[in-house]
Amino acid sequence: QVQLVESGGGLVQAGGSLRLSCAASGRTLSSYALGWFRQALGKERGFVAAITWNGGSTYYADSVKGRFTISRDNAKNTGYLRMNSLKPEDTAVYYCAAGYYSGGRFVSDYVYWGQGTQVTVSS
């Protein structure tokens, strides 16, 4: 079992950047594929980005492609989501997740979840 804790969220102006971190404890993070999801108020949790266990392949939602970058450092047991050119519509709680299915785009593809970190983008 692995525990995940997100950090790095906050308030940023449109056009700004943030880097979210996902720190893992328990089992080594290299055992899992990682994903980032987000949930805006009143909406369902949706896919943002995913990365394979070794970082060899990455996957993105069309809405963030070219602006967000997912990465991981297995030696540090940490995953990251770099977010550039942020827009007000990126405002949401961001969750990292770990699972066994590489490139999963659905909530059900992941087994372990963090508690989320709020990202608010002002216009």
N, C-alpha and C. Protein backbone atom coordinates (compact mmCIF):
# COMPACT_ATOMS: atom_id res chain seq x y z
N GLN A 1 0.85 -1.18 0.00
CA GLN A 1 0.00 0.00 0.00
C GLN A 1 0.89 1.24 0.00
N VAL A 2 0.40 2.31 -0.64
CA VAL A 2 1.15 3.56 -0.71
C VAL A 2 0.25 4.70 -0.29
N GLN A 3 0.82 5.65 0.43
CA GLN A 3 0.09 6.85 0.83
C GLN A 3 0.64 8.02 0.00
N LEU A 4 -0.26 8.88 -0.45
CA LEU A 4 0.10 9.99 -1.32
C LEU A 4 -0.31 11.31 -0.68
N VAL A 5 0.57 12.30 -0.75
CA VAL A 5 0.27 13.63 -0.22
C VAL A 5 0.66 14.67 -1.26
N GLU A 6 -0.33 15.45 -1.69
CA GLU A 6 -0.07 16.51 -2.65
C GLU A 6 0.30 17.81 -1.94
N SER A 7 1.05 18.63 -2.63
CA SER A 7 1.39 19.95 -2.13
C SER A 7 1.69 20.85 -3.32
N GLY A 8 1.78 22.16 -3.06
CA GLY A 8 2.16 23.09 -4.10
C GLY A 8 1.02 23.90 -4.68
N GLY A 9 -0.20 23.61 -4.26
CA GLY A 9 -1.32 24.38 -4.76
C GLY A 9 -1.33 25.79 -4.19
N GLY A 10 -2.22 26.62 -4.71
CA GLY A 10 -2.33 27.98 -4.21
C GLY A 10 -3.11 28.85 -5.17
N LEU A 11 -2.99 30.14 -4.93
CA LEU A 11 -3.67 31.15 -5.75
C LEU A 11 -2.65 31.77 -6.69
N VAL A 12 -2.99 31.83 -7.97
CA VAL A 12 -2.08 32.37 -8.97
C VAL A 12 -2.90 33.14 -10.00
N GLN A 13 -2.29 34.16 -10.59
CA GLN A 13 -2.97 34.91 -11.63
C GLN A 13 -2.93 34.16 -12.95
N ALA A 14 -3.88 34.44 -13.78
CA ALA A 14 -3.90 33.84 -15.12
C ALA A 14 -2.58 34.12 -15.83
N GLY A 15 -2.07 33.08 -16.49
CA GLY A 15 -0.78 33.18 -17.14
C GLY A 15 0.38 32.74 -16.29
N GLY A 16 0.13 32.54 -15.01
CA GLY A 16 1.18 32.14 -14.08
C GLY A 16 1.43 30.64 -14.10
N SER A 17 2.31 30.23 -13.19
CA SER A 17 2.73 28.83 -13.14
C SER A 17 2.71 28.31 -11.70
N LEU A 18 2.53 27.02 -11.58
CA LEU A 18 2.65 26.32 -10.31
C LEU A 18 3.26 24.96 -10.57
N ARG A 19 3.92 24.40 -9.55
CA ARG A 19 4.36 23.02 -9.63
C ARG A 19 3.79 22.27 -8.44
N LEU A 20 3.00 21.28 -8.75
CA LEU A 20 2.43 20.41 -7.72
C LEU A 20 3.36 19.23 -7.49
N SER A 21 3.44 18.81 -6.25
CA SER A 21 4.21 17.63 -5.89
C SER A 21 3.30 16.58 -5.28
N CYS A 22 3.68 15.34 -5.45
CA CYS A 22 2.94 14.20 -4.91
C CYS A 22 3.97 13.30 -4.22
N ALA A 23 4.04 13.40 -2.90
CA ALA A 23 5.00 12.63 -2.13
C ALA A 23 4.39 11.31 -1.69
N ALA A 24 5.11 10.24 -1.91
CA ALA A 24 4.61 8.91 -1.58
C ALA A 24 5.35 8.35 -0.38
N SER A 25 4.63 7.59 0.43
CA SER A 25 5.22 6.84 1.52
C SER A 25 4.60 5.45 1.55
N GLY A 26 5.26 4.55 2.25
CA GLY A 26 4.80 3.16 2.22
C GLY A 26 5.59 2.42 1.17
N ARG A 27 4.94 1.85 0.21
CA ARG A 27 5.65 1.16 -0.85
C ARG A 27 6.33 2.16 -1.78
N THR A 28 7.35 1.69 -2.48
CA THR A 28 8.08 2.55 -3.38
C THR A 28 7.19 2.97 -4.56
N LEU A 29 7.31 4.24 -4.91
CA LEU A 29 6.47 4.79 -5.97
C LEU A 29 6.74 4.16 -7.32
N SER A 30 7.94 3.62 -7.52
CA SER A 30 8.29 3.04 -8.81
C SER A 30 7.47 1.80 -9.14
N SER A 31 6.73 1.31 -8.16
CA SER A 31 5.87 0.15 -8.40
C SER A 31 4.59 0.53 -9.14
N TYR A 32 4.34 1.82 -9.30
CA TYR A 32 3.03 2.28 -9.79
C TYR A 32 3.14 3.27 -10.95
N ALA A 33 2.11 3.22 -11.78
CA ALA A 33 1.87 4.33 -12.70
C ALA A 33 1.23 5.47 -11.90
N LEU A 34 1.48 6.70 -12.35
CA LEU A 34 0.94 7.87 -11.65
C LEU A 34 -0.02 8.63 -12.55
N GLY A 35 -0.99 9.24 -11.92
CA GLY A 35 -1.89 10.10 -12.66
C GLY A 35 -2.23 11.34 -11.84
N TRP A 36 -2.60 12.38 -12.54
CA TRP A 36 -3.14 13.59 -11.91
C TRP A 36 -4.55 13.81 -12.44
N PHE A 37 -5.43 14.12 -11.53
CA PHE A 37 -6.82 14.42 -11.86
C PHE A 37 -7.19 15.73 -11.21
N ARG A 38 -8.28 16.32 -11.64
CA ARG A 38 -8.77 17.54 -11.01
C ARG A 38 -10.28 17.51 -10.94
N GLN A 39 -10.78 18.24 -9.94
CA GLN A 39 -12.21 18.31 -9.73
C GLN A 39 -12.59 19.74 -9.39
N ALA A 40 -13.30 20.37 -10.30
CA ALA A 40 -13.81 21.71 -10.06
C ALA A 40 -15.12 21.61 -9.28
N LEU A 41 -15.48 22.70 -8.65
CA LEU A 41 -16.68 22.72 -7.83
C LEU A 41 -17.90 22.35 -8.66
N GLY A 42 -18.62 21.35 -8.21
CA GLY A 42 -19.83 20.93 -8.89
C GLY A 42 -19.63 20.05 -10.10
N LYS A 43 -18.38 19.66 -10.35
CA LYS A 43 -18.08 18.82 -11.51
C LYS A 43 -17.46 17.50 -11.08
N GLU A 44 -17.44 16.57 -12.00
CA GLU A 44 -16.82 15.27 -11.73
C GLU A 44 -15.30 15.38 -11.82
N ARG A 45 -14.65 14.45 -11.15
CA ARG A 45 -13.20 14.39 -11.21
C ARG A 45 -12.76 13.94 -12.60
N GLY A 46 -11.84 14.68 -13.18
CA GLY A 46 -11.44 14.40 -14.55
C GLY A 46 -9.94 14.25 -14.72
N PHE A 47 -9.56 13.54 -15.74
CA PHE A 47 -8.17 13.24 -16.04
C PHE A 47 -7.40 14.49 -16.47
N VAL A 48 -6.17 14.60 -15.99
CA VAL A 48 -5.29 15.69 -16.38
C VAL A 48 -4.06 15.13 -17.10
N ALA A 49 -3.34 14.22 -16.43
CA ALA A 49 -2.10 13.70 -17.00
C ALA A 49 -1.75 12.38 -16.34
N ALA A 50 -0.93 11.58 -17.03
CA ALA A 50 -0.48 10.30 -16.49
C ALA A 50 0.93 10.02 -16.96
N ILE A 51 1.62 9.20 -16.20
CA ILE A 51 3.00 8.84 -16.53
C ILE A 51 3.24 7.39 -16.13
N THR A 52 3.99 6.68 -16.95
CA THR A 52 4.28 5.29 -16.66
C THR A 52 5.25 5.17 -15.48
N TRP A 53 5.43 3.94 -15.00
CA TRP A 53 6.19 3.74 -13.77
C TRP A 53 7.62 4.25 -13.87
N ASN A 54 8.19 4.21 -15.07
CA ASN A 54 9.59 4.64 -15.24
C ASN A 54 9.71 6.00 -15.91
N GLY A 55 8.57 6.66 -16.14
CA GLY A 55 8.60 7.97 -16.78
C GLY A 55 8.80 7.91 -18.28
N GLY A 56 8.74 6.72 -18.86
CA GLY A 56 9.03 6.57 -20.27
C GLY A 56 7.95 7.13 -21.18
N SER A 57 6.74 7.15 -20.72
CA SER A 57 5.63 7.67 -21.53
C SER A 57 4.74 8.56 -20.68
N THR A 58 4.22 9.60 -21.31
CA THR A 58 3.31 10.52 -20.64
C THR A 58 2.06 10.71 -21.48
N TYR A 59 0.99 11.08 -20.81
CA TYR A 59 -0.30 11.23 -21.46
C TYR A 59 -0.97 12.48 -20.88
N TYR A 60 -1.71 13.20 -21.73
CA TYR A 60 -2.32 14.44 -21.28
C TYR A 60 -3.74 14.59 -21.80
N ALA A 61 -4.56 15.25 -21.02
CA ALA A 61 -5.85 15.68 -21.51
C ALA A 61 -5.62 16.78 -22.54
N ASP A 62 -6.49 16.86 -23.52
CA ASP A 62 -6.32 17.86 -24.58
C ASP A 62 -6.31 19.27 -24.01
N SER A 63 -7.05 19.50 -22.94
CA SER A 63 -7.19 20.84 -22.38
C SER A 63 -5.90 21.35 -21.74
N VAL A 64 -4.97 20.46 -21.43
CA VAL A 64 -3.74 20.89 -20.78
C VAL A 64 -2.49 20.61 -21.61
N LYS A 65 -2.65 19.95 -22.72
CA LYS A 65 -1.51 19.57 -23.56
C LYS A 65 -0.75 20.83 -24.00
N GLY A 66 0.56 20.78 -23.83
CA GLY A 66 1.39 21.93 -24.18
C GLY A 66 1.56 22.93 -23.06
N ARG A 67 0.76 22.84 -22.02
CA ARG A 67 0.87 23.76 -20.88
C ARG A 67 1.33 23.05 -19.61
N PHE A 68 0.91 21.81 -19.43
CA PHE A 68 1.24 21.04 -18.23
C PHE A 68 2.27 19.96 -18.58
N THR A 69 3.12 19.66 -17.60
CA THR A 69 4.11 18.60 -17.77
C THR A 69 4.12 17.70 -16.53
N ILE A 70 3.89 16.44 -16.75
CA ILE A 70 3.96 15.47 -15.65
C ILE A 70 5.35 14.84 -15.64
N SER A 71 5.86 14.61 -14.45
CA SER A 71 7.16 13.97 -14.32
C SER A 71 7.21 13.23 -12.99
N ARG A 72 8.28 12.50 -12.78
CA ARG A 72 8.44 11.78 -11.53
C ARG A 72 9.92 11.58 -11.24
N ASP A 73 10.23 11.46 -9.95
CA ASP A 73 11.58 11.16 -9.50
C ASP A 73 11.44 9.98 -8.55
N ASN A 74 11.64 8.79 -9.07
CA ASN A 74 11.43 7.60 -8.24
C ASN A 74 12.43 7.52 -7.09
N ALA A 75 13.60 8.10 -7.28
CA ALA A 75 14.59 8.10 -6.20
C ALA A 75 14.10 8.91 -5.01
N LYS A 76 13.28 9.93 -5.30
CA LYS A 76 12.72 10.77 -4.24
C LYS A 76 11.30 10.35 -3.87
N ASN A 77 10.82 9.30 -4.54
CA ASN A 77 9.45 8.82 -4.27
C ASN A 77 8.42 9.92 -4.45
N THR A 78 8.59 10.74 -5.47
CA THR A 78 7.76 11.92 -5.68
C THR A 78 7.38 12.08 -7.14
N GLY A 79 6.14 12.47 -7.35
CA GLY A 79 5.67 12.83 -8.67
C GLY A 79 5.41 14.33 -8.73
N TYR A 80 5.36 14.87 -9.95
CA TYR A 80 5.19 16.31 -10.12
C TYR A 80 4.22 16.60 -11.26
N LEU A 81 3.62 17.78 -11.16
CA LEU A 81 2.83 18.31 -12.25
C LEU A 81 3.19 19.79 -12.37
N ARG A 82 3.91 20.11 -13.44
CA ARG A 82 4.26 21.49 -13.71
C ARG A 82 3.16 22.09 -14.56
N MET A 83 2.61 23.22 -14.10
CA MET A 83 1.50 23.86 -14.80
C MET A 83 1.90 25.27 -15.20
N ASN A 84 1.95 25.49 -16.50
CA ASN A 84 2.27 26.81 -17.04
C ASN A 84 1.06 27.41 -17.74
N SER A 85 1.13 28.71 -17.99
CA SER A 85 0.06 29.41 -18.71
C SER A 85 -1.30 29.08 -18.13
N LEU A 86 -1.41 29.17 -16.84
CA LEU A 86 -2.65 28.78 -16.17
C LEU A 86 -3.80 29.70 -16.55
N LYS A 87 -4.99 29.09 -16.62
CA LYS A 87 -6.21 29.79 -16.99
C LYS A 87 -7.21 29.67 -15.84
N PRO A 88 -8.17 30.59 -15.76
CA PRO A 88 -9.19 30.48 -14.71
C PRO A 88 -9.91 29.13 -14.73
N GLU A 89 -10.09 28.55 -15.91
CA GLU A 89 -10.78 27.26 -16.00
C GLU A 89 -9.94 26.10 -15.47
N ASP A 90 -8.68 26.34 -15.12
CA ASP A 90 -7.86 25.32 -14.47
C ASP A 90 -8.13 25.26 -12.96
N THR A 91 -8.92 26.18 -12.46
CA THR A 91 -9.22 26.19 -11.03
C THR A 91 -9.93 24.90 -10.62
N ALA A 92 -9.38 24.22 -9.63
CA ALA A 92 -9.92 22.93 -9.19
C ALA A 92 -9.09 22.41 -8.03
N VAL A 93 -9.57 21.35 -7.41
CA VAL A 93 -8.75 20.57 -6.50
C VAL A 93 -8.03 19.53 -7.35
N TYR A 94 -6.73 19.45 -7.18
CA TYR A 94 -5.90 18.54 -7.97
C TYR A 94 -5.50 17.35 -7.10
N TYR A 95 -5.68 16.17 -7.65
CA TYR A 95 -5.39 14.92 -6.95
C TYR A 95 -4.33 14.13 -7.71
N CYS A 96 -3.39 13.54 -6.98
CA CYS A 96 -2.53 12.55 -7.60
C CYS A 96 -3.02 11.16 -7.22
N ALA A 97 -2.72 10.22 -8.08
CA ALA A 97 -3.20 8.86 -7.89
C ALA A 97 -2.17 7.87 -8.38
N ALA A 98 -2.16 6.70 -7.79
CA ALA A 98 -1.23 5.64 -8.17
C ALA A 98 -2.00 4.37 -8.49
N GLY A 99 -1.54 3.68 -9.51
CA GLY A 99 -2.22 2.46 -9.89
C GLY A 99 -1.34 1.57 -10.72
N TYR A 100 -1.93 0.52 -11.27
CA TYR A 100 -1.17 -0.49 -11.99
C TYR A 100 -1.35 -0.40 -13.50
N TYR A 101 -2.22 0.50 -13.95
CA TYR A 101 -2.53 0.60 -15.37
C TYR A 101 -1.85 1.84 -15.94
N SER A 102 -0.85 1.65 -16.78
CA SER A 102 -0.12 2.77 -17.35
C SER A 102 -1.00 3.57 -18.31
N GLY A 103 -0.96 4.90 -18.11
CA GLY A 103 -1.70 5.75 -19.02
C GLY A 103 -3.19 5.80 -18.76
N GLY A 104 -3.60 5.33 -17.60
CA GLY A 104 -5.02 5.32 -17.30
C GLY A 104 -5.63 6.71 -17.28
N ARG A 105 -6.80 6.85 -17.88
CA ARG A 105 -7.47 8.15 -17.96
C ARG A 105 -8.75 8.18 -17.13
N PHE A 106 -9.02 7.12 -16.43
CA PHE A 106 -10.25 7.03 -15.65
C PHE A 106 -9.93 6.87 -14.17
N VAL A 107 -10.82 7.40 -13.36
CA VAL A 107 -10.66 7.29 -11.90
C VAL A 107 -10.50 5.83 -11.50
N SER A 108 -11.24 4.96 -12.15
CA SER A 108 -11.22 3.54 -11.79
C SER A 108 -9.91 2.85 -12.15
N ASP A 109 -9.04 3.52 -12.91
CA ASP A 109 -7.74 2.94 -13.27
C ASP A 109 -6.74 3.04 -12.13
N TYR A 110 -7.08 3.77 -11.08
CA TYR A 110 -6.14 4.04 -9.99
C TYR A 110 -6.66 3.51 -8.67
N VAL A 111 -5.72 3.08 -7.84
CA VAL A 111 -6.07 2.43 -6.58
C VAL A 111 -5.90 3.37 -5.40
N TYR A 112 -4.83 4.15 -5.42
CA TYR A 112 -4.49 5.00 -4.27
C TYR A 112 -4.60 6.46 -4.67
N TRP A 113 -5.10 7.28 -3.73
CA TRP A 113 -5.35 8.69 -3.99
C TRP A 113 -4.84 9.54 -2.84
N GLY A 114 -4.37 10.74 -3.22
CA GLY A 114 -4.05 11.72 -2.20
C GLY A 114 -5.29 12.49 -1.80
N GLN A 115 -5.12 13.43 -0.89
CA GLN A 115 -6.25 14.19 -0.35
C GLN A 115 -6.58 15.42 -1.19
N GLY A 116 -5.70 15.77 -2.11
CA GLY A 116 -5.95 16.89 -3.01
C GLY A 116 -5.32 18.19 -2.55
N THR A 117 -5.05 19.06 -3.51
CA THR A 117 -4.53 20.39 -3.22
C THR A 117 -5.27 21.38 -4.12
N GLN A 118 -5.68 22.50 -3.53
CA GLN A 118 -6.49 23.47 -4.25
C GLN A 118 -5.61 24.36 -5.12
N VAL A 119 -6.02 24.51 -6.37
CA VAL A 119 -5.41 25.46 -7.28
C VAL A 119 -6.48 26.45 -7.72
N THR A 120 -6.21 27.72 -7.50
CA THR A 120 -7.15 28.76 -7.88
C THR A 120 -6.44 29.74 -8.80
N VAL A 121 -7.01 29.96 -9.98
CA VAL A 121 -6.42 30.85 -10.96
C VAL A 121 -7.35 32.05 -11.13
N SER A 122 -6.86 33.22 -10.81
CA SER A 122 -7.67 34.43 -10.91
C SER A 122 -7.47 35.09 -12.27
N SER A 123 -8.53 35.73 -12.73
CA SER A 123 -8.47 36.38 -14.05
C SER A 123 -7.98 37.81 -13.95
